[in-house]
Structures are given as C-alpha cells and as structure tokens.
PDB file of all heavy atoms in Angstrom:
ATOM      1  N   LEU A   1     -96.215  78.397  12.190  1.00  0.00           N
ATOM      2  CA  LEU A   1     -95.113  78.467  11.153  1.00  0.00           C
ATOM      3  C   LEU A   1     -95.485  79.495  10.076  1.00  0.00           C
ATOM      4  O   LEU A   1     -94.602  80.257   9.620  1.00  0.00           O
ATOM      5  CB  LEU A   1     -94.874  77.078  10.523  1.00  0.00           C
ATOM      6  CG  LEU A   1     -94.287  76.011  11.457  1.00  0.00           C
ATOM      7  CD1 LEU A   1     -94.076  74.720  10.697  1.00  0.00           C
ATOM      8  CD2 LEU A   1     -92.973  76.535  12.060  1.00  0.00           C
ATOM      9  N   ILE A   2     -96.726  79.533   9.670  1.00  0.00           N
ATOM     10  CA  ILE A   2     -97.200  80.603   8.768  1.00  0.00           C
ATOM     11  C   ILE A   2     -96.987  81.969   9.382  1.00  0.00           C
ATOM     12  O   ILE A   2     -96.520  82.938   8.756  1.00  0.00           O
ATOM     13  CB  ILE A   2     -98.669  80.423   8.326  1.00  0.00           C
ATOM     14  CG1 ILE A   2     -98.807  79.126   7.518  1.00  0.00           C
ATOM     15  CG2 ILE A   2     -99.146  81.590   7.555  1.00  0.00           C
ATOM     16  CD1 ILE A   2    -100.221  78.772   7.180  1.00  0.00           C
ATOM     17  N   SER A   3     -97.310  82.023  10.698  1.00  0.00           N
ATOM     18  CA  SER A   3     -97.110  83.254  11.438  1.00  0.00           C
ATOM     19  C   SER A   3     -95.623  83.631  11.390  1.00  0.00           C
ATOM     20  O   SER A   3     -95.299  84.884  11.194  1.00  0.00           O
ATOM     21  CB  SER A   3     -97.547  83.101  12.867  1.00  0.00           C
ATOM     22  OG  SER A   3     -97.293  84.217  13.606  1.00  0.00           O
ATOM     23  N   GLY A   4     -94.740  82.698  11.597  1.00  0.00           N
ATOM     24  CA  GLY A   4     -93.276  83.017  11.571  1.00  0.00           C
ATOM     25  C   GLY A   4     -92.842  83.456  10.156  1.00  0.00           C
ATOM     26  O   GLY A   4     -92.010  84.396  10.036  1.00  0.00           O
ATOM     27  N   ALA A   5     -93.342  82.836   9.137  1.00  0.00           N
ATOM     28  CA  ALA A   5     -92.975  83.236   7.762  1.00  0.00           C
ATOM     29  C   ALA A   5     -93.357  84.687   7.456  1.00  0.00           C
ATOM     30  O   ALA A   5     -92.595  85.496   6.956  1.00  0.00           O
ATOM     31  CB  ALA A   5     -93.594  82.277   6.751  1.00  0.00           C
ATOM     32  N   LEU A   6     -94.579  85.053   7.828  1.00  0.00           N
ATOM     33  CA  LEU A   6     -95.081  86.369   7.598  1.00  0.00           C
ATOM     34  C   LEU A   6     -94.381  87.394   8.548  1.00  0.00           C
ATOM     35  O   LEU A   6     -94.112  88.534   8.074  1.00  0.00           O
ATOM     36  CB  LEU A   6     -96.581  86.475   7.744  1.00  0.00           C
ATOM     37  CG  LEU A   6     -97.432  85.723   6.731  1.00  0.00           C
ATOM     38  CD1 LEU A   6     -98.910  85.709   7.158  1.00  0.00           C
ATOM     39  CD2 LEU A   6     -97.284  86.456   5.373  1.00  0.00           C
ATOM     40  N   GLY A   7     -94.062  86.949   9.732  1.00  0.00           N
ATOM     41  CA  GLY A   7     -93.383  87.851  10.641  1.00  0.00           C
ATOM     42  C   GLY A   7     -91.984  88.154  10.174  1.00  0.00           C
ATOM     43  O   GLY A   7     -91.445  89.272  10.294  1.00  0.00           O
ATOM     44  N   GLY A   8     -91.233  87.125   9.694  1.00  0.00           N
ATOM     45  CA  GLY A   8     -89.910  87.370   9.139  1.00  0.00           C
ATOM     46  C   GLY A   8     -89.947  88.257   7.962  1.00  0.00           C
ATOM     47  O   GLY A   8     -89.079  89.144   7.812  1.00  0.00           O
ATOM     48  N   LEU A   9     -90.940  88.095   7.072  1.00  0.00           N
ATOM     49  CA  LEU A   9     -91.053  88.967   5.902  1.00  0.00           C
ATOM     50  C   LEU A   9     -91.350  90.406   6.407  1.00  0.00           C
ATOM     51  O   LEU A   9     -90.801  91.393   5.842  1.00  0.00           O
ATOM     52  CB  LEU A   9     -92.187  88.475   5.026  1.00  0.00           C
ATOM     53  CG  LEU A   9     -92.681  89.428   3.920  1.00  0.00           C
ATOM     54  CD1 LEU A   9     -91.523  89.691   2.912  1.00  0.00           C
ATOM     55  CD2 LEU A   9     -93.912  88.821   3.212  1.00  0.00           C
ATOM     56  N   GLY A  10     -92.222  90.514   7.401  1.00  0.00           N
ATOM     57  CA  GLY A  10     -92.587  91.845   7.915  1.00  0.00           C
ATOM     58  C   GLY A  10     -91.331  92.547   8.500  1.00  0.00           C
ATOM     59  O   GLY A  10     -91.243  93.786   8.409  1.00  0.00           O
ATOM     60  N   GLY A  11     -90.436  91.831   9.105  1.00  0.00           N
ATOM     61  CA  GLY A  11     -89.228  92.442   9.627  1.00  0.00           C
ATOM     62  C   GLY A  11     -88.368  93.098   8.553  1.00  0.00           C
ATOM     63  O   GLY A  11     -87.986  94.261   8.734  1.00  0.00           O
ATOM     64  N   LEU A  12     -88.157  92.398   7.437  1.00  0.00           N
ATOM     65  CA  LEU A  12     -87.343  92.937   6.362  1.00  0.00           C
ATOM     66  C   LEU A  12     -88.144  94.062   5.699  1.00  0.00           C
ATOM     67  O   LEU A  12     -87.572  95.091   5.332  1.00  0.00           O
ATOM     68  CB  LEU A  12     -87.048  91.856   5.336  1.00  0.00           C
ATOM     69  CG  LEU A  12     -86.094  92.223   4.252  1.00  0.00           C
ATOM     70  CD1 LEU A  12     -84.732  92.709   4.754  1.00  0.00           C
ATOM     71  CD2 LEU A  12     -85.925  91.171   3.199  1.00  0.00           C
ATOM     72  N   ALA A  13     -89.467  93.896   5.516  1.00  0.00           N
ATOM     73  CA  ALA A  13     -90.254  94.949   4.906  1.00  0.00           C
ATOM     74  C   ALA A  13     -90.275  96.247   5.731  1.00  0.00           C
ATOM     75  O   ALA A  13     -90.410  97.383   5.141  1.00  0.00           O
ATOM     76  CB  ALA A  13     -91.725  94.441   4.746  1.00  0.00           C
ATOM     77  N   TYR A  14     -90.102  96.132   7.016  1.00  0.00           N
ATOM     78  CA  TYR A  14     -90.002  97.310   7.895  1.00  0.00           C
ATOM     79  C   TYR A  14     -88.713  98.009   7.721  1.00  0.00           C
ATOM     80  O   TYR A  14     -88.634  99.251   7.626  1.00  0.00           O
ATOM     81  CB  TYR A  14     -90.230  96.931   9.316  1.00  0.00           C
ATOM     82  CG  TYR A  14     -89.875  98.061  10.282  1.00  0.00           C
ATOM     83  CD1 TYR A  14     -90.721  99.159  10.477  1.00  0.00           C
ATOM     84  CD2 TYR A  14     -88.667  98.038  11.033  1.00  0.00           C
ATOM     85  CE1 TYR A  14     -90.406 100.122  11.323  1.00  0.00           C
ATOM     86  CE2 TYR A  14     -88.307  99.095  11.848  1.00  0.00           C
ATOM     87  CZ  TYR A  14     -89.181 100.190  12.016  1.00  0.00           C
ATOM     88  OH  TYR A  14     -88.865 101.186  12.830  1.00  0.00           O
ATOM     89  N   ILE A  15     -87.592  97.278   7.621  1.00  0.00           N
ATOM     90  CA  ILE A  15     -86.305  97.900   7.599  1.00  0.00           C
ATOM     91  C   ILE A  15     -85.985  98.589   6.255  1.00  0.00           C
ATOM     92  O   ILE A  15     -85.394  99.640   6.247  1.00  0.00           O
ATOM     93  CB  ILE A  15     -85.166  96.798   7.898  1.00  0.00           C
ATOM     94  CG1 ILE A  15     -85.309  96.272   9.344  1.00  0.00           C
ATOM     95  CG2 ILE A  15     -83.819  97.342   7.647  1.00  0.00           C
ATOM     96  CD1 ILE A  15     -85.079  97.358  10.378  1.00  0.00           C
ATOM     97  N   LEU A  16     -86.377  98.002   5.198  1.00  0.00           N
ATOM     98  CA  LEU A  16     -85.954  98.473   3.878  1.00  0.00           C
ATOM     99  C   LEU A  16     -86.288  99.983   3.634  1.00  0.00           C
ATOM    100  O   LEU A  16     -85.410 100.739   3.170  1.00  0.00           O
ATOM    101  CB  LEU A  16     -86.608  97.660   2.763  1.00  0.00           C
ATOM    102  CG  LEU A  16     -86.052  96.219   2.624  1.00  0.00           C
ATOM    103  CD1 LEU A  16     -86.764  95.512   1.453  1.00  0.00           C
ATOM    104  CD2 LEU A  16     -84.539  96.189   2.398  1.00  0.00           C
ATOM    105  N   PRO A  17     -87.567 100.426   3.945  1.00  0.00           N
ATOM    106  CA  PRO A  17     -87.869 101.810   3.675  1.00  0.00           C
ATOM    107  C   PRO A  17     -87.287 102.864   4.636  1.00  0.00           C
ATOM    108  O   PRO A  17     -87.226 104.003   4.304  1.00  0.00           O
ATOM    109  CB  PRO A  17     -89.429 101.861   3.678  1.00  0.00           C
ATOM    110  CG  PRO A  17     -89.821 100.432   3.729  1.00  0.00           C
ATOM    111  CD  PRO A  17     -88.732  99.667   4.376  1.00  0.00           C
ATOM    112  N   VAL A  18     -86.952 102.449   5.852  1.00  0.00           N
ATOM    113  CA  VAL A  18     -86.661 103.394   6.895  1.00  0.00           C
ATOM    114  C   VAL A  18     -85.142 103.558   7.175  1.00  0.00           C
ATOM    115  O   VAL A  18     -84.768 104.470   7.950  1.00  0.00           O
ATOM    116  CB  VAL A  18     -87.403 103.049   8.210  1.00  0.00           C
ATOM    117  CG1 VAL A  18     -88.908 102.955   7.963  1.00  0.00           C
ATOM    118  CG2 VAL A  18     -86.955 101.697   8.827  1.00  0.00           C
ATOM    119  N   SER A  19     -84.343 102.609   6.765  1.00  0.00           N
ATOM    120  CA  SER A  19     -82.943 102.685   7.199  1.00  0.00           C
ATOM    121  C   SER A  19     -82.031 101.972   6.157  1.00  0.00           C
ATOM    122  O   SER A  19     -82.522 101.254   5.285  1.00  0.00           O
ATOM    123  CB  SER A  19     -82.758 102.017   8.535  1.00  0.00           C
ATOM    124  OG  SER A  19     -81.444 102.000   8.979  1.00  0.00           O
ATOM    125  N   THR A  20     -80.776 102.286   6.320  1.00  0.00           N
ATOM    126  CA  THR A  20     -79.725 101.576   5.508  1.00  0.00           C
ATOM    127  C   THR A  20     -78.866 100.691   6.381  1.00  0.00           C
ATOM    128  O   THR A  20     -77.818 100.229   5.938  1.00  0.00           O
ATOM    129  CB  THR A  20     -78.871 102.572   4.750  1.00  0.00           C
ATOM    130  OG1 THR A  20     -78.239 103.442   5.691  1.00  0.00           O
ATOM    131  CG2 THR A  20     -79.692 103.347   3.709  1.00  0.00           C
ATOM    132  N   GLU A  21     -79.338 100.508   7.624  1.00  0.00           N
ATOM    133  CA  GLU A  21     -78.634  99.576   8.520  1.00  0.00           C
ATOM    134  C   GLU A  21     -79.576  98.994   9.542  1.00  0.00           C
ATOM    135  O   GLU A  21     -80.634  99.647   9.827  1.00  0.00           O
ATOM    136  CB  GLU A  21     -77.456 100.262   9.224  1.00  0.00           C
ATOM    137  CG  GLU A  21     -77.862 101.393  10.122  1.00  0.00           C
ATOM    138  CD  GLU A  21     -76.650 102.055  10.822  1.00  0.00           C
ATOM    139  OE1 GLU A  21     -75.530 101.955  10.284  1.00  0.00           O
ATOM    140  OE2 GLU A  21     -76.845 102.615  11.912  1.00  0.00           O
ATOM    141  N   PHE A  22     -79.272  97.848  10.030  1.00  0.00           N
ATOM    142  CA  PHE A  22     -80.075  97.160  11.003  1.00  0.00           C
ATOM    143  C   PHE A  22     -79.290  97.043  12.310  1.00  0.00           C
ATOM    144  O   PHE A  22     -78.168  96.538  12.284  1.00  0.00           O
ATOM    145  CB  PHE A  22     -80.481  95.754  10.485  1.00  0.00           C
ATOM    146  CG  PHE A  22     -81.261  94.976  11.492  1.00  0.00           C
ATOM    147  CD1 PHE A  22     -82.559  95.358  11.953  1.00  0.00           C
ATOM    148  CD2 PHE A  22     -80.682  93.845  12.017  1.00  0.00           C
ATOM    149  CE1 PHE A  22     -83.187  94.652  12.867  1.00  0.00           C
ATOM    150  CE2 PHE A  22     -81.433  93.086  12.950  1.00  0.00           C
ATOM    151  CZ  PHE A  22     -82.648  93.447  13.411  1.00  0.00           C
ATOM    152  N   ASN A  23     -79.930  97.479  13.403  1.00  0.00           N
ATOM    153  CA  ASN A  23     -79.185  97.487  14.677  1.00  0.00           C
ATOM    154  C   ASN A  23     -79.844  96.600  15.743  1.00  0.00           C
ATOM    155  O   ASN A  23     -79.734  96.895  16.962  1.00  0.00           O
ATOM    156  CB  ASN A  23     -78.979  98.908  15.193  1.00  0.00           C
ATOM    157  CG  ASN A  23     -80.294  99.624  15.414  1.00  0.00           C
ATOM    158  OD1 ASN A  23     -81.352  99.061  15.249  1.00  0.00           O
ATOM    159  ND2 ASN A  23     -80.215 100.840  15.849  1.00  0.00           N
ATOM    160  N   GLY A  24     -80.622  95.596  15.304  1.00  0.00           N
ATOM    161  CA  GLY A  24     -81.161  94.650  16.281  1.00  0.00           C
ATOM    162  C   GLY A  24     -82.554  95.026  16.893  1.00  0.00           C
ATOM    163  O   GLY A  24     -82.943  94.460  17.858  1.00  0.00           O
ATOM    164  N   THR A  25     -83.210  95.957  16.267  1.00  0.00           N
ATOM    165  CA  THR A  25     -84.551  96.339  16.754  1.00  0.00           C
ATOM    166  C   THR A  25     -85.497  96.695  15.578  1.00  0.00           C
ATOM    167  O   THR A  25     -85.024  97.099  14.533  1.00  0.00           O
ATOM    168  CB  THR A  25     -84.395  97.509  17.739  1.00  0.00           C
ATOM    169  OG1 THR A  25     -85.755  97.912  18.226  1.00  0.00           O
ATOM    170  CG2 THR A  25     -83.824  98.733  17.032  1.00  0.00           C
ATOM    171  N   VAL A  26     -86.751  96.544  15.868  1.00  0.00           N
ATOM    172  CA  VAL A  26     -87.778  96.955  14.919  1.00  0.00           C
ATOM    173  C   VAL A  26     -88.768  97.978  15.538  1.00  0.00           C
ATOM    174  O   VAL A  26     -89.892  98.104  15.083  1.00  0.00           O
ATOM    175  CB  VAL A  26     -88.586  95.784  14.328  1.00  0.00           C
ATOM    176  CG1 VAL A  26     -87.673  94.915  13.400  1.00  0.00           C
ATOM    177  CG2 VAL A  26     -89.127  94.867  15.408  1.00  0.00           C
ATOM    178  N   ALA A  27     -88.275  98.603  16.601  1.00  0.00           N
ATOM    179  CA  ALA A  27     -88.965  99.768  17.160  1.00  0.00           C
ATOM    180  C   ALA A  27     -90.430  99.458  17.690  1.00  0.00           C
ATOM    181  O   ALA A  27     -91.270 100.301  17.532  1.00  0.00           O
ATOM    182  CB  ALA A  27     -89.004 100.966  16.201  1.00  0.00           C
ATOM    183  N   GLY A  28     -90.616  98.262  18.221  1.00  0.00           N
ATOM    184  CA  GLY A  28     -91.964  97.908  18.785  1.00  0.00           C
ATOM    185  C   GLY A  28     -93.026  97.670  17.705  1.00  0.00           C
ATOM    186  O   GLY A  28     -94.198  97.580  18.066  1.00  0.00           O
ATOM    187  N   TYR A  29     -92.625  97.466  16.438  1.00  0.00           N
ATOM    188  CA  TYR A  29     -93.642  97.223  15.398  1.00  0.00           C
ATOM    189  C   TYR A  29     -94.416  95.933  15.631  1.00  0.00           C
ATOM    190  O   TYR A  29     -95.555  95.815  15.247  1.00  0.00           O
ATOM    191  CB  TYR A  29     -92.948  97.215  14.067  1.00  0.00           C
ATOM    192  CG  TYR A  29     -93.506  98.359  13.145  1.00  0.00           C
ATOM    193  CD1 TYR A  29     -93.320  99.647  13.563  1.00  0.00           C
ATOM    194  CD2 TYR A  29     -94.068  98.045  11.967  1.00  0.00           C
ATOM    195  CE1 TYR A  29     -93.775 100.722  12.760  1.00  0.00           C
ATOM    196  CE2 TYR A  29     -94.535  99.087  11.133  1.00  0.00           C
ATOM    197  CZ  TYR A  29     -94.401 100.361  11.527  1.00  0.00           C
ATOM    198  OH  TYR A  29     -94.903 101.391  10.825  1.00  0.00           O
ATOM    199  N   GLY A  30     -93.731  94.921  16.205  1.00  0.00           N
ATOM    200  CA  GLY A  30     -94.442  93.670  16.482  1.00  0.00           C
ATOM    201  C   GLY A  30     -95.598  93.861  17.406  1.00  0.00           C
ATOM    202  O   GLY A  30     -96.661  93.211  17.233  1.00  0.00           O
ATOM    203  N   PHE A  31     -95.433  94.688  18.389  1.00  0.00           N
ATOM    204  CA  PHE A  31     -96.475  94.893  19.447  1.00  0.00           C
ATOM    205  C   PHE A  31     -97.615  95.792  18.778  1.00  0.00           C
ATOM    206  O   PHE A  31     -98.768  95.614  19.018  1.00  0.00           O
ATOM    207  CB  PHE A  31     -95.924  95.579  20.685  1.00  0.00           C
ATOM    208  CG  PHE A  31     -94.932  94.745  21.379  1.00  0.00           C
ATOM    209  CD1 PHE A  31     -93.600  95.100  21.410  1.00  0.00           C
ATOM    210  CD2 PHE A  31     -95.277  93.548  22.003  1.00  0.00           C
ATOM    211  CE1 PHE A  31     -92.689  94.309  22.062  1.00  0.00           C
ATOM    212  CE2 PHE A  31     -94.446  92.776  22.712  1.00  0.00           C
ATOM    213  CZ  PHE A  31     -93.055  93.154  22.731  1.00  0.00           C
ATOM    214  N   LEU A  32     -97.162  96.759  17.983  1.00  0.00           N
ATOM    215  CA  LEU A  32     -98.192  97.582  17.320  1.00  0.00           C
ATOM    216  C   LEU A  32     -99.062  96.749  16.342  1.00  0.00           C
ATOM    217  O   LEU A  32    -100.235  96.966  16.176  1.00  0.00           O
ATOM    218  CB  LEU A  32     -97.518  98.714  16.563  1.00  0.00           C
ATOM    219  CG  LEU A  32     -98.392  99.773  15.942  1.00  0.00           C
ATOM    220  CD1 LEU A  32     -99.314 100.426  17.027  1.00  0.00           C
ATOM    221  CD2 LEU A  32     -97.586 100.856  15.201  1.00  0.00           C
ATOM    222  N   ALA A  33     -98.404  95.753  15.730  1.00  0.00           N
ATOM    223  CA  ALA A  33     -99.089  94.844  14.809  1.00  0.00           C
ATOM    224  C   ALA A  33    -100.224  94.045  15.529  1.00  0.00           C
ATOM    225  O   ALA A  33    -101.234  93.748  15.009  1.00  0.00           O
ATOM    226  CB  ALA A  33     -98.163  93.981  14.084  1.00  0.00           C
ATOM    227  N   ILE A  34     -99.889  93.699  16.798  1.00  0.00           N
ATOM    228  CA  ILE A  34    -100.880  92.982  17.611  1.00  0.00           C
ATOM    229  C   ILE A  34    -102.104  93.839  17.855  1.00  0.00           C
ATOM    230  O   ILE A  34    -103.249  93.370  17.873  1.00  0.00           O
ATOM    231  CB  ILE A  34    -100.241  92.429  18.886  1.00  0.00           C
ATOM    232  CG1 ILE A  34     -99.235  91.373  18.563  1.00  0.00           C
ATOM    233  CG2 ILE A  34    -101.329  91.850  19.851  1.00  0.00           C
ATOM    234  CD1 ILE A  34     -98.460  90.902  19.776  1.00  0.00           C
ATOM    235  N   ALA A  35    -101.813  95.141  18.090  1.00  0.00           N
ATOM    236  CA  ALA A  35    -102.985  96.124  18.245  1.00  0.00           C
ATOM    237  C   ALA A  35    -103.731  96.237  16.978  1.00  0.00           C
ATOM    238  O   ALA A  35    -104.979  96.311  17.015  1.00  0.00           O
ATOM    239  CB  ALA A  35    -102.383  97.498  18.649  1.00  0.00           C
ATOM    240  N   VAL A  36    -103.084  96.160  15.854  1.00  0.00           N
ATOM    241  CA  VAL A  36    -103.768  96.204  14.585  1.00  0.00           C
ATOM    242  C   VAL A  36    -104.618  94.885  14.441  1.00  0.00           C
ATOM    243  O   VAL A  36    -105.756  94.990  13.969  1.00  0.00           O
ATOM    244  CB  VAL A  36    -102.746  96.260  13.406  1.00  0.00           C
ATOM    245  CG1 VAL A  36    -103.430  96.054  12.001  1.00  0.00           C
ATOM    246  CG2 VAL A  36    -102.072  97.610  13.428  1.00  0.00           C
ATOM    247  N   LEU A  37    -104.099  93.767  14.856  1.00  0.00           N
ATOM    248  CA  LEU A  37    -104.867  92.534  14.816  1.00  0.00           C
ATOM    249  C   LEU A  37    -106.132  92.648  15.591  1.00  0.00           C
ATOM    250  O   LEU A  37    -107.223  92.298  15.124  1.00  0.00           O
ATOM    251  CB  LEU A  37    -104.008  91.371  15.382  1.00  0.00           C
ATOM    252  CG  LEU A  37    -104.705  90.123  15.705  1.00  0.00           C
ATOM    253  CD1 LEU A  37    -105.056  89.319  14.479  1.00  0.00           C
ATOM    254  CD2 LEU A  37    -103.870  89.263  16.627  1.00  0.00           C
ATOM    255  N   ILE A  38    -106.051  93.195  16.805  1.00  0.00           N
ATOM    256  CA  ILE A  38    -107.227  93.293  17.676  1.00  0.00           C
ATOM    257  C   ILE A  38    -108.214  94.267  17.089  1.00  0.00           C
ATOM    258  O   ILE A  38    -109.385  94.004  17.066  1.00  0.00           O
ATOM    259  CB  ILE A  38    -106.801  93.706  19.114  1.00  0.00           C
ATOM    260  CG1 ILE A  38    -105.927  92.639  19.735  1.00  0.00           C
ATOM    261  CG2 ILE A  38    -108.014  93.926  19.958  1.00  0.00           C
ATOM    262  CD1 ILE A  38    -105.266  93.050  21.005  1.00  0.00           C
ATOM    263  N   PHE A  39    -107.717  95.384  16.656  1.00  0.00           N
ATOM    264  CA  PHE A  39    -108.561  96.400  16.044  1.00  0.00           C
ATOM    265  C   PHE A  39    -109.257  95.898  14.750  1.00  0.00           C
ATOM    266  O   PHE A  39    -110.391  96.216  14.416  1.00  0.00           O
ATOM    267  CB  PHE A  39    -107.791  97.666  15.676  1.00  0.00           C
ATOM    268  CG  PHE A  39    -108.628  98.866  15.333  1.00  0.00           C
ATOM    269  CD1 PHE A  39    -109.575  99.381  16.221  1.00  0.00           C
ATOM    270  CD2 PHE A  39    -108.445  99.467  14.102  1.00  0.00           C
ATOM    271  CE1 PHE A  39    -110.316 100.509  15.839  1.00  0.00           C
ATOM    272  CE2 PHE A  39    -109.160 100.573  13.792  1.00  0.00           C
ATOM    273  CZ  PHE A  39    -110.131 101.057  14.611  1.00  0.00           C
ATOM    274  N   GLY A  40    -108.571  94.980  14.055  1.00  0.00           N
ATOM    275  CA  GLY A  40    -109.103  94.373  12.882  1.00  0.00           C
ATOM    276  C   GLY A  40    -109.918  93.175  13.125  1.00  0.00           C
ATOM    277  O   GLY A  40    -110.394  92.540  12.146  1.00  0.00           O
ATOM    278  N   GLN A  41    -110.074  92.815  14.360  1.00  0.00           N
ATOM    279  CA  GLN A  41    -110.976  91.678  14.767  1.00  0.00           C
ATOM    280  C   GLN A  41    -110.688  90.327  14.111  1.00  0.00           C
ATOM    281  O   GLN A  41    -111.563  89.598  13.689  1.00  0.00           O
ATOM    282  CB  GLN A  41    -112.438  92.087  14.455  1.00  0.00           C
ATOM    283  CG  GLN A  41    -112.973  93.214  15.324  1.00  0.00           C
ATOM    284  CD  GLN A  41    -113.048  92.834  16.832  1.00  0.00           C
ATOM    285  OE1 GLN A  41    -113.805  92.024  17.221  1.00  0.00           O
ATOM    286  NE2 GLN A  41    -112.209  93.447  17.633  1.00  0.00           N
ATOM    287  N   TRP A  42    -109.364  90.038  13.963  1.00  0.00           N
ATOM    288  CA  TRP A  42    -108.955  88.763  13.530  1.00  0.00           C
ATOM    289  C   TRP A  42    -109.507  88.438  12.128  1.00  0.00           C
ATOM    290  O   TRP A  42    -109.601  87.249  11.735  1.00  0.00           O
ATOM    291  CB  TRP A  42    -109.332  87.651  14.472  1.00  0.00           C
ATOM    292  CG  TRP A  42    -108.545  87.704  15.740  1.00  0.00           C
ATOM    293  CD1 TRP A  42    -107.429  87.056  16.072  1.00  0.00           C
ATOM    294  CD2 TRP A  42    -108.839  88.527  16.901  1.00  0.00           C
ATOM    295  NE1 TRP A  42    -107.027  87.375  17.329  1.00  0.00           N
ATOM    296  CE2 TRP A  42    -107.866  88.316  17.943  1.00  0.00           C
ATOM    297  CE3 TRP A  42    -109.835  89.448  17.198  1.00  0.00           C
ATOM    298  CZ2 TRP A  42    -107.815  88.922  19.115  1.00  0.00           C
ATOM    299  CZ3 TRP A  42    -109.826  90.054  18.402  1.00  0.00           C
ATOM    300  CH2 TRP A  42    -108.862  89.825  19.392  1.00  0.00           C
ATOM    301  N   ASN A  43    -109.762  89.415  11.308  1.00  0.00           N
ATOM    302  CA  ASN A  43    -110.295  89.260  10.001  1.00  0.00           C
ATOM    303  C   ASN A  43    -109.317  89.892   8.999  1.00  0.00           C
ATOM    304  O   ASN A  43    -108.967  91.152   9.160  1.00  0.00           O
ATOM    305  CB  ASN A  43    -111.714  89.884   9.857  1.00  0.00           C
ATOM    306  CG  ASN A  43    -112.308  89.671   8.483  1.00  0.00           C
ATOM    307  OD1 ASN A  43    -111.873  90.151   7.478  1.00  0.00           O
ATOM    308  ND2 ASN A  43    -113.410  88.910   8.486  1.00  0.00           N
TER     309      ASN A  43
END
C-alpha cells in the first residue's frame, strides 16, 4: 500500500513537468524506476 501511494504520486509528478494533457501512458517510467531500484540496491 505504501508502494501504491508513492507510485500514484510518482505518476502525477511525472506528468506535470512534461505535458499539459494525459493520454493514458507514462512512457515506461515505471519499468525504468525498477531499474533504478536494482541499481540502487534496495537502499
């Protein structure tokens, strides 16, 4: 649930700087974030 809360926040935080409309996608950012997690060693 904490993961969901931060993920929902991350979705809006991604859209605000890059666009003035939302069309149902976040351009693979969720998968790139998982790569960041692994590179960051869960710390």
